Every structure is written in structure tokens, then in C-alpha cells.
Amino acid sequence: VVYVAAIFVLGLYVSSALFIAAFMVWQGKYSYLKSVLVGVAVPCVLFALFEVWFLLPLPKGPLEALFGY
């Protein structure tokens, strides 16, 4: 529920990065470094896949607006 609510405030990509990193640390007991790297890499790959290659817009938040997307 928190993740879905965060999508409306932060956008899909930032919310996904936070969600993935937090659950990797909490449930998977991975290191913070690995969690942050994967948490950032997965939304970046998804952004390239959907926004750049398929030209399919997904919900964006204020951070993406700063970058002009």
C-alpha cells in the first residue's frame, strides 16, 4: 500500500528504487551497497526499456520532471 501511494507522490522509478533497496536490506539481508546499486539499476533499465525504446510513458514524479522527462 505504501509503495502504491508513493508512486503517486514520487513517481514509479523513484518509488521502485526505494522499494527494491529497502526490501533487499530488510528481507534479503544484503549489504547496503549492493541494495542501493540494484535498487538504482533496475529502475534505470526499466526506464530505458519503457520510456526510450517502447516510448510508453509511465507515472513520473518530481525527480523525473527535473531531468526533463
PDB file of N, CA and C in Angstrom:
ATOM      1  N   VAL A   1       0.836  -1.189   0.000  1.00  0.00           N
ATOM      2  CA  VAL A   1       0.000   0.000   0.000  1.00  0.00           C
ATOM      3  C   VAL A   1       0.883   1.255   0.000  1.00  0.00           C
ATOM      4  N   VAL A   2       1.957   1.212   0.786  1.00  0.00           N
ATOM      5  CA  VAL A   2       2.858   2.365   0.849  1.00  0.00           C
ATOM      6  C   VAL A   2       3.541   2.575  -0.500  1.00  0.00           C
ATOM      7  N   TYR A   3       3.930   1.486  -1.144  1.00  0.00           N
ATOM      8  CA  TYR A   3       4.584   1.574  -2.456  1.00  0.00           C
ATOM      9  C   TYR A   3       3.645   2.204  -3.488  1.00  0.00           C
ATOM     10  N   VAL A   4       2.421   1.751  -3.528  1.00  0.00           N
ATOM     11  CA  VAL A   4       1.457   2.287  -4.496  1.00  0.00           C
ATOM     12  C   VAL A   4       1.186   3.762  -4.209  1.00  0.00           C
ATOM     13  N   ALA A   5       1.064   4.124  -2.949  1.00  0.00           N
ATOM     14  CA  ALA A   5       0.860   5.530  -2.605  1.00  0.00           C
ATOM     15  C   ALA A   5       2.082   6.367  -2.978  1.00  0.00           C
ATOM     16  N   ALA A   6       3.266   5.809  -2.810  1.00  0.00           N
ATOM     17  CA  ALA A   6       4.498   6.529  -3.145  1.00  0.00           C
ATOM     18  C   ALA A   6       4.616   6.766  -4.643  1.00  0.00           C
ATOM     19  N   ILE A   7       4.048   5.888  -5.457  1.00  0.00           N
ATOM     20  CA  ILE A   7       4.090   6.084  -6.909  1.00  0.00           C
ATOM     21  C   ILE A   7       3.406   7.390  -7.293  1.00  0.00           C
ATOM     22  N   PHE A   8       2.301   7.727  -6.630  1.00  0.00           N
ATOM     23  CA  PHE A   8       1.582   8.953  -6.952  1.00  0.00           C
ATOM     24  C   PHE A   8       2.343  10.198  -6.509  1.00  0.00           C
ATOM     25  N   VAL A   9       3.180  10.057  -5.483  1.00  0.00           N
ATOM     26  CA  VAL A   9       3.916  11.206  -4.965  1.00  0.00           C
ATOM     27  C   VAL A   9       5.305  11.319  -5.607  1.00  0.00           C
ATOM     28  N   LEU A  10       6.032  10.200  -5.674  1.00  0.00           N
ATOM     29  CA  LEU A  10       7.421  10.209  -6.133  1.00  0.00           C
ATOM     30  C   LEU A  10       7.600   9.760  -7.573  1.00  0.00           C
ATOM     31  N   GLY A  11       6.621   9.083  -8.118  1.00  0.00           N
ATOM     32  CA  GLY A  11       6.762   8.517  -9.445  1.00  0.00           C
ATOM     33  C   GLY A  11       7.162   7.051  -9.360  1.00  0.00           C
ATOM     34  N   LEU A  12       7.005   6.353 -10.451  1.00  0.00           N
ATOM     35  CA  LEU A  12       7.243   4.917 -10.483  1.00  0.00           C
ATOM     36  C   LEU A  12       8.710   4.557 -10.260  1.00  0.00           C
ATOM     37  N   TYR A  13       9.606   5.287 -10.874  1.00  0.00           N
ATOM     38  CA  TYR A  13      11.015   4.899 -10.848  1.00  0.00           C
ATOM     39  C   TYR A  13      11.661   5.129  -9.480  1.00  0.00           C
ATOM     40  N   VAL A  14      11.410   6.266  -8.880  1.00  0.00           N
ATOM     41  CA  VAL A  14      11.983   6.546  -7.555  1.00  0.00           C
ATOM     42  C   VAL A  14      11.366   5.615  -6.514  1.00  0.00           C
ATOM     43  N   SER A  15      10.063   5.416  -6.592  1.00  0.00           N
ATOM     44  CA  SER A  15       9.395   4.509  -5.650  1.00  0.00           C
ATOM     45  C   SER A  15       9.927   3.087  -5.783  1.00  0.00           C
ATOM     46  N   SER A  16      10.143   2.650  -7.012  1.00  0.00           N
ATOM     47  CA  SER A  16      10.671   1.304  -7.235  1.00  0.00           C
ATOM     48  C   SER A  16      12.080   1.156  -6.703  1.00  0.00           C
ATOM     49  N   ALA A  17      12.906   2.171  -6.903  1.00  0.00           N
ATOM     50  CA  ALA A  17      14.275   2.118  -6.377  1.00  0.00           C
ATOM     51  C   ALA A  17      14.274   1.999  -4.863  1.00  0.00           C
ATOM     52  N   LEU A  18      13.456   2.794  -4.204  1.00  0.00           N
ATOM     53  CA  LEU A  18      13.369   2.726  -2.744  1.00  0.00           C
ATOM     54  C   LEU A  18      12.804   1.393  -2.277  1.00  0.00           C
ATOM     55  N   PHE A  19      11.781   0.907  -2.961  1.00  0.00           N
ATOM     56  CA  PHE A  19      11.151  -0.360  -2.605  1.00  0.00           C
ATOM     57  C   PHE A  19      12.129  -1.527  -2.742  1.00  0.00           C
ATOM     58  N   ILE A  20      12.817  -1.604  -3.854  1.00  0.00           N
ATOM     59  CA  ILE A  20      13.755  -2.702  -4.096  1.00  0.00           C
ATOM     60  C   ILE A  20      14.892  -2.663  -3.088  1.00  0.00           C
ATOM     61  N   ALA A  21      15.482  -1.504  -2.891  1.00  0.00           N
ATOM     62  CA  ALA A  21      16.608  -1.394  -1.958  1.00  0.00           C
ATOM     63  C   ALA A  21      16.183  -1.716  -0.525  1.00  0.00           C
ATOM     64  N   ALA A  22      15.042  -1.206  -0.115  1.00  0.00           N
ATOM     65  CA  ALA A  22      14.588  -1.454   1.260  1.00  0.00           C
ATOM     66  C   ALA A  22      14.304  -2.932   1.501  1.00  0.00           C
ATOM     67  N   PHE A  23      13.659  -3.584   0.558  1.00  0.00           N
ATOM     68  CA  PHE A  23      13.352  -4.996   0.757  1.00  0.00           C
ATOM     69  C   PHE A  23      14.583  -5.882   0.633  1.00  0.00           C
ATOM     70  N   MET A  24      15.558  -5.480  -0.155  1.00  0.00           N
ATOM     71  CA  MET A  24      16.796  -6.259  -0.221  1.00  0.00           C
ATOM     72  C   MET A  24      17.524  -6.225   1.119  1.00  0.00           C
ATOM     73  N   VAL A  25      17.525  -5.074   1.762  1.00  0.00           N
ATOM     74  CA  VAL A  25      18.178  -4.961   3.072  1.00  0.00           C
ATOM     75  C   VAL A  25      17.358  -5.672   4.138  1.00  0.00           C
ATOM     76  N   TRP A  26      16.048  -5.420   4.134  1.00  0.00           N
ATOM     77  CA  TRP A  26      15.185  -5.933   5.199  1.00  0.00           C
ATOM     78  C   TRP A  26      14.959  -7.434   5.091  1.00  0.00           C
ATOM     79  N   GLN A  27      14.537  -7.905   3.944  1.00  0.00           N
ATOM     80  CA  GLN A  27      14.199  -9.319   3.798  1.00  0.00           C
ATOM     81  C   GLN A  27      15.379 -10.171   3.332  1.00  0.00           C
ATOM     82  N   GLY A  28      16.187  -9.638   2.444  1.00  0.00           N
ATOM     83  CA  GLY A  28      17.267 -10.429   1.872  1.00  0.00           C
ATOM     84  C   GLY A  28      18.563 -10.369   2.644  1.00  0.00           C
ATOM     85  N   LYS A  29      18.664  -9.424   3.583  1.00  0.00           N
ATOM     86  CA  LYS A  29      19.870  -9.239   4.385  1.00  0.00           C
ATOM     87  C   LYS A  29      21.104  -8.969   3.527  1.00  0.00           C
ATOM     88  N   TYR A  30      20.896  -8.269   2.387  1.00  0.00           N
ATOM     89  CA  TYR A  30      22.009  -7.878   1.537  1.00  0.00           C
ATOM     90  C   TYR A  30      22.660  -6.635   2.115  1.00  0.00           C
ATOM     91  N   SER A  31      23.874  -6.354   1.685  1.00  0.00           N
ATOM     92  CA  SER A  31      24.563  -5.157   2.157  1.00  0.00           C
ATOM     93  C   SER A  31      23.886  -3.913   1.589  1.00  0.00           C
ATOM     94  N   TYR A  32      24.134  -2.787   2.233  1.00  0.00           N
ATOM     95  CA  TYR A  32      23.543  -1.538   1.778  1.00  0.00           C
ATOM     96  C   TYR A  32      24.060  -1.165   0.385  1.00  0.00           C
ATOM     97  N   LEU A  33      25.327  -1.393   0.146  1.00  0.00           N
ATOM     98  CA  LEU A  33      25.904  -1.049  -1.149  1.00  0.00           C
ATOM     99  C   LEU A  33      25.248  -1.835  -2.276  1.00  0.00           C
ATOM    100  N   LYS A  34      25.154  -3.143  -2.116  1.00  0.00           N
ATOM    101  CA  LYS A  34      24.534  -3.975  -3.148  1.00  0.00           C
ATOM    102  C   LYS A  34      23.062  -3.615  -3.318  1.00  0.00           C
ATOM    103  N   SER A  35      22.376  -3.343  -2.238  1.00  0.00           N
ATOM    104  CA  SER A  35      20.958  -2.991  -2.300  1.00  0.00           C
ATOM    105  C   SER A  35      20.731  -1.688  -3.051  1.00  0.00           C
ATOM    106  N   VAL A  36      21.554  -0.705  -2.779  1.00  0.00           N
ATOM    107  CA  VAL A  36      21.420   0.582  -3.459  1.00  0.00           C
ATOM    108  C   VAL A  36      21.767   0.439  -4.938  1.00  0.00           C
ATOM    109  N   LEU A  37      22.815  -0.310  -5.244  1.00  0.00           N
ATOM    110  CA  LEU A  37      23.193  -0.499  -6.643  1.00  0.00           C
ATOM    111  C   LEU A  37      22.088  -1.185  -7.442  1.00  0.00           C
ATOM    112  N   VAL A  38      21.529  -2.249  -6.901  1.00  0.00           N
ATOM    113  CA  VAL A  38      20.446  -2.945  -7.591  1.00  0.00           C
ATOM    114  C   VAL A  38      19.192  -2.081  -7.604  1.00  0.00           C
ATOM    115  N   GLY A  39      18.921  -1.404  -6.498  1.00  0.00           N
ATOM    116  CA  GLY A  39      17.752  -0.542  -6.412  1.00  0.00           C
ATOM    117  C   GLY A  39      17.773   0.596  -7.420  1.00  0.00           C
ATOM    118  N   VAL A  40      18.943   1.071  -7.779  1.00  0.00           N
ATOM    119  CA  VAL A  40      19.068   2.121  -8.790  1.00  0.00           C
ATOM    120  C   VAL A  40      19.128   1.521 -10.194  1.00  0.00           C
ATOM    121  N   ALA A  41      19.803   0.401 -10.349  1.00  0.00           N
ATOM    122  CA  ALA A  41      19.989  -0.200 -11.672  1.00  0.00           C
ATOM    123  C   ALA A  41      18.679  -0.698 -12.282  1.00  0.00           C
ATOM    124  N   VAL A  42      17.843  -1.346 -11.500  1.00  0.00           N
ATOM    125  CA  VAL A  42      16.601  -1.910 -12.045  1.00  0.00           C
ATOM    126  C   VAL A  42      15.678  -0.825 -12.592  1.00  0.00           C
ATOM    127  N   PRO A  43      15.393   0.248 -11.863  1.00  0.00           N
ATOM    128  CA  PRO A  43      14.552   1.299 -12.455  1.00  0.00           C
ATOM    129  C   PRO A  43      15.210   1.985 -13.657  1.00  0.00           C
ATOM    130  N   CYS A  44      16.527   2.082 -13.674  1.00  0.00           N
ATOM    131  CA  CYS A  44      17.198   2.668 -14.842  1.00  0.00           C
ATOM    132  C   CYS A  44      16.997   1.801 -16.073  1.00  0.00           C
ATOM    133  N   VAL A  45      17.112   0.490 -15.915  1.00  0.00           N
ATOM    134  CA  VAL A  45      16.879  -0.427 -17.028  1.00  0.00           C
ATOM    135  C   VAL A  45      15.413  -0.359 -17.463  1.00  0.00           C
ATOM    136  N   LEU A  46      14.505  -0.328 -16.511  1.00  0.00           N
ATOM    137  CA  LEU A  46      13.086  -0.227 -16.850  1.00  0.00           C
ATOM    138  C   LEU A  46      12.762   1.091 -17.543  1.00  0.00           C
ATOM    139  N   PHE A  47      13.408   2.172 -17.112  1.00  0.00           N
ATOM    140  CA  PHE A  47      13.213   3.457 -17.770  1.00  0.00           C
ATOM    141  C   PHE A  47      13.665   3.379 -19.223  1.00  0.00           C
ATOM    142  N   ALA A  48      14.847   2.824 -19.454  1.00  0.00           N
ATOM    143  CA  ALA A  48      15.355   2.696 -20.824  1.00  0.00           C
ATOM    144  C   ALA A  48      14.419   1.823 -21.660  1.00  0.00           C
ATOM    145  N   LEU A  49      13.955   0.742 -21.086  1.00  0.00           N
ATOM    146  CA  LEU A  49      13.090  -0.175 -21.815  1.00  0.00           C
ATOM    147  C   LEU A  49      11.758   0.472 -22.194  1.00  0.00           C
ATOM    148  N   PHE A  50      11.068   1.012 -21.220  1.00  0.00           N
ATOM    149  CA  PHE A  50       9.725   1.528 -21.472  1.00  0.00           C
ATOM    150  C   PHE A  50       9.708   2.932 -22.077  1.00  0.00           C
ATOM    151  N   GLU A  51      10.456   3.846 -21.525  1.00  0.00           N
ATOM    152  CA  GLU A  51      10.379   5.245 -21.938  1.00  0.00           C
ATOM    153  C   GLU A  51      11.162   5.516 -23.225  1.00  0.00           C
ATOM    154  N   VAL A  52      12.317   4.887 -23.377  1.00  0.00           N
ATOM    155  CA  VAL A  52      13.173   5.189 -24.515  1.00  0.00           C
ATOM    156  C   VAL A  52      12.870   4.267 -25.692  1.00  0.00           C
ATOM    157  N   TRP A  53      12.872   2.967 -25.457  1.00  0.00           N
ATOM    158  CA  TRP A  53      12.727   2.027 -26.565  1.00  0.00           C
ATOM    159  C   TRP A  53      11.280   1.816 -26.982  1.00  0.00           C
ATOM    160  N   PHE A  54      10.372   1.602 -26.029  1.00  0.00           N
ATOM    161  CA  PHE A  54       8.969   1.360 -26.382  1.00  0.00           C
ATOM    162  C   PHE A  54       8.143   2.639 -26.469  1.00  0.00           C
ATOM    163  N   LEU A  55       8.703   3.771 -26.009  1.00  0.00           N
ATOM    164  CA  LEU A  55       8.005   5.058 -25.991  1.00  0.00           C
ATOM    165  C   LEU A  55       6.670   4.971 -25.253  1.00  0.00           C
ATOM    166  N   LEU A  56       6.677   4.227 -24.155  1.00  0.00           N
ATOM    167  CA  LEU A  56       5.481   4.042 -23.334  1.00  0.00           C
ATOM    168  C   LEU A  56       5.645   4.839 -22.046  1.00  0.00           C
ATOM    169  N   PRO A  57       4.923   5.930 -21.879  1.00  0.00           N
ATOM    170  CA  PRO A  57       5.089   6.745 -20.670  1.00  0.00           C
ATOM    171  C   PRO A  57       4.498   6.056 -19.443  1.00  0.00           C
ATOM    172  N   LEU A  58       5.234   6.102 -18.359  1.00  0.00           N
ATOM    173  CA  LEU A  58       4.782   5.568 -17.082  1.00  0.00           C
ATOM    174  C   LEU A  58       4.689   6.724 -16.086  1.00  0.00           C
ATOM    175  N   PRO A  59       4.007   6.529 -14.953  1.00  0.00           N
ATOM    176  CA  PRO A  59       3.842   7.632 -13.984  1.00  0.00           C
ATOM    177  C   PRO A  59       5.182   8.205 -13.534  1.00  0.00           C
ATOM    178  N   LYS A  60       5.272   9.521 -13.600  1.00  0.00           N
ATOM    179  CA  LYS A  60       6.512  10.193 -13.224  1.00  0.00           C
ATOM    180  C   LYS A  60       6.267  11.103 -12.036  1.00  0.00           C
ATOM    181  N   GLY A  61       7.314  11.320 -11.286  1.00  0.00           N
ATOM    182  CA  GLY A  61       7.251  12.194 -10.124  1.00  0.00           C
ATOM    183  C   GLY A  61       8.066  13.447 -10.353  1.00  0.00           C
ATOM    184  N   PRO A  62       8.323  14.195  -9.307  1.00  0.00           N
ATOM    185  CA  PRO A  62       9.039  15.465  -9.446  1.00  0.00           C
ATOM    186  C   PRO A  62      10.503  15.295  -9.860  1.00  0.00           C
ATOM    187  N   LEU A  63      11.138  14.185  -9.531  1.00  0.00           N
ATOM    188  CA  LEU A  63      12.541  13.990  -9.898  1.00  0.00           C
ATOM    189  C   LEU A  63      12.706  13.863 -11.407  1.00  0.00           C
ATOM    190  N   GLU A  64      11.820  13.131 -12.038  1.00  0.00           N
ATOM    191  CA  GLU A  64      11.881  12.991 -13.488  1.00  0.00           C
ATOM    192  C   GLU A  64      11.609  14.328 -14.173  1.00  0.00           C
ATOM    193  N   ALA A  65      10.760  15.159 -13.570  1.00  0.00           N
ATOM    194  CA  ALA A  65      10.467  16.485 -14.132  1.00  0.00           C
ATOM    195  C   ALA A  65      11.713  17.363 -14.116  1.00  0.00           C
ATOM    196  N   LEU A  66      12.554  17.198 -13.097  1.00  0.00           N
ATOM    197  CA  LEU A  66      13.799  17.963 -13.037  1.00  0.00           C
ATOM    198  C   LEU A  66      14.748  17.595 -14.178  1.00  0.00           C
ATOM    199  N   PHE A  67      14.701  16.335 -14.603  1.00  0.00           N
ATOM    200  CA  PHE A  67      15.562  15.884 -15.694  1.00  0.00           C
ATOM    201  C   PHE A  67      14.930  16.127 -17.056  1.00  0.00           C
ATOM    202  N   GLY A  68      13.735  16.645 -17.100  1.00  0.00           N
ATOM    203  CA  GLY A  68      13.085  16.981 -18.355  1.00  0.00           C
ATOM    204  C   GLY A  68      12.293  15.853 -18.988  1.00  0.00           C
ATOM    205  N   TYR A  69      11.934  14.843 -18.234  1.00  0.00           N
ATOM    206  CA  TYR A  69      11.150  13.734 -18.780  1.00  0.00           C
ATOM    207  C   TYR A  69       9.720  13.810 -18.329  1.00  0.00           C
TER     208      TYR A  69
END
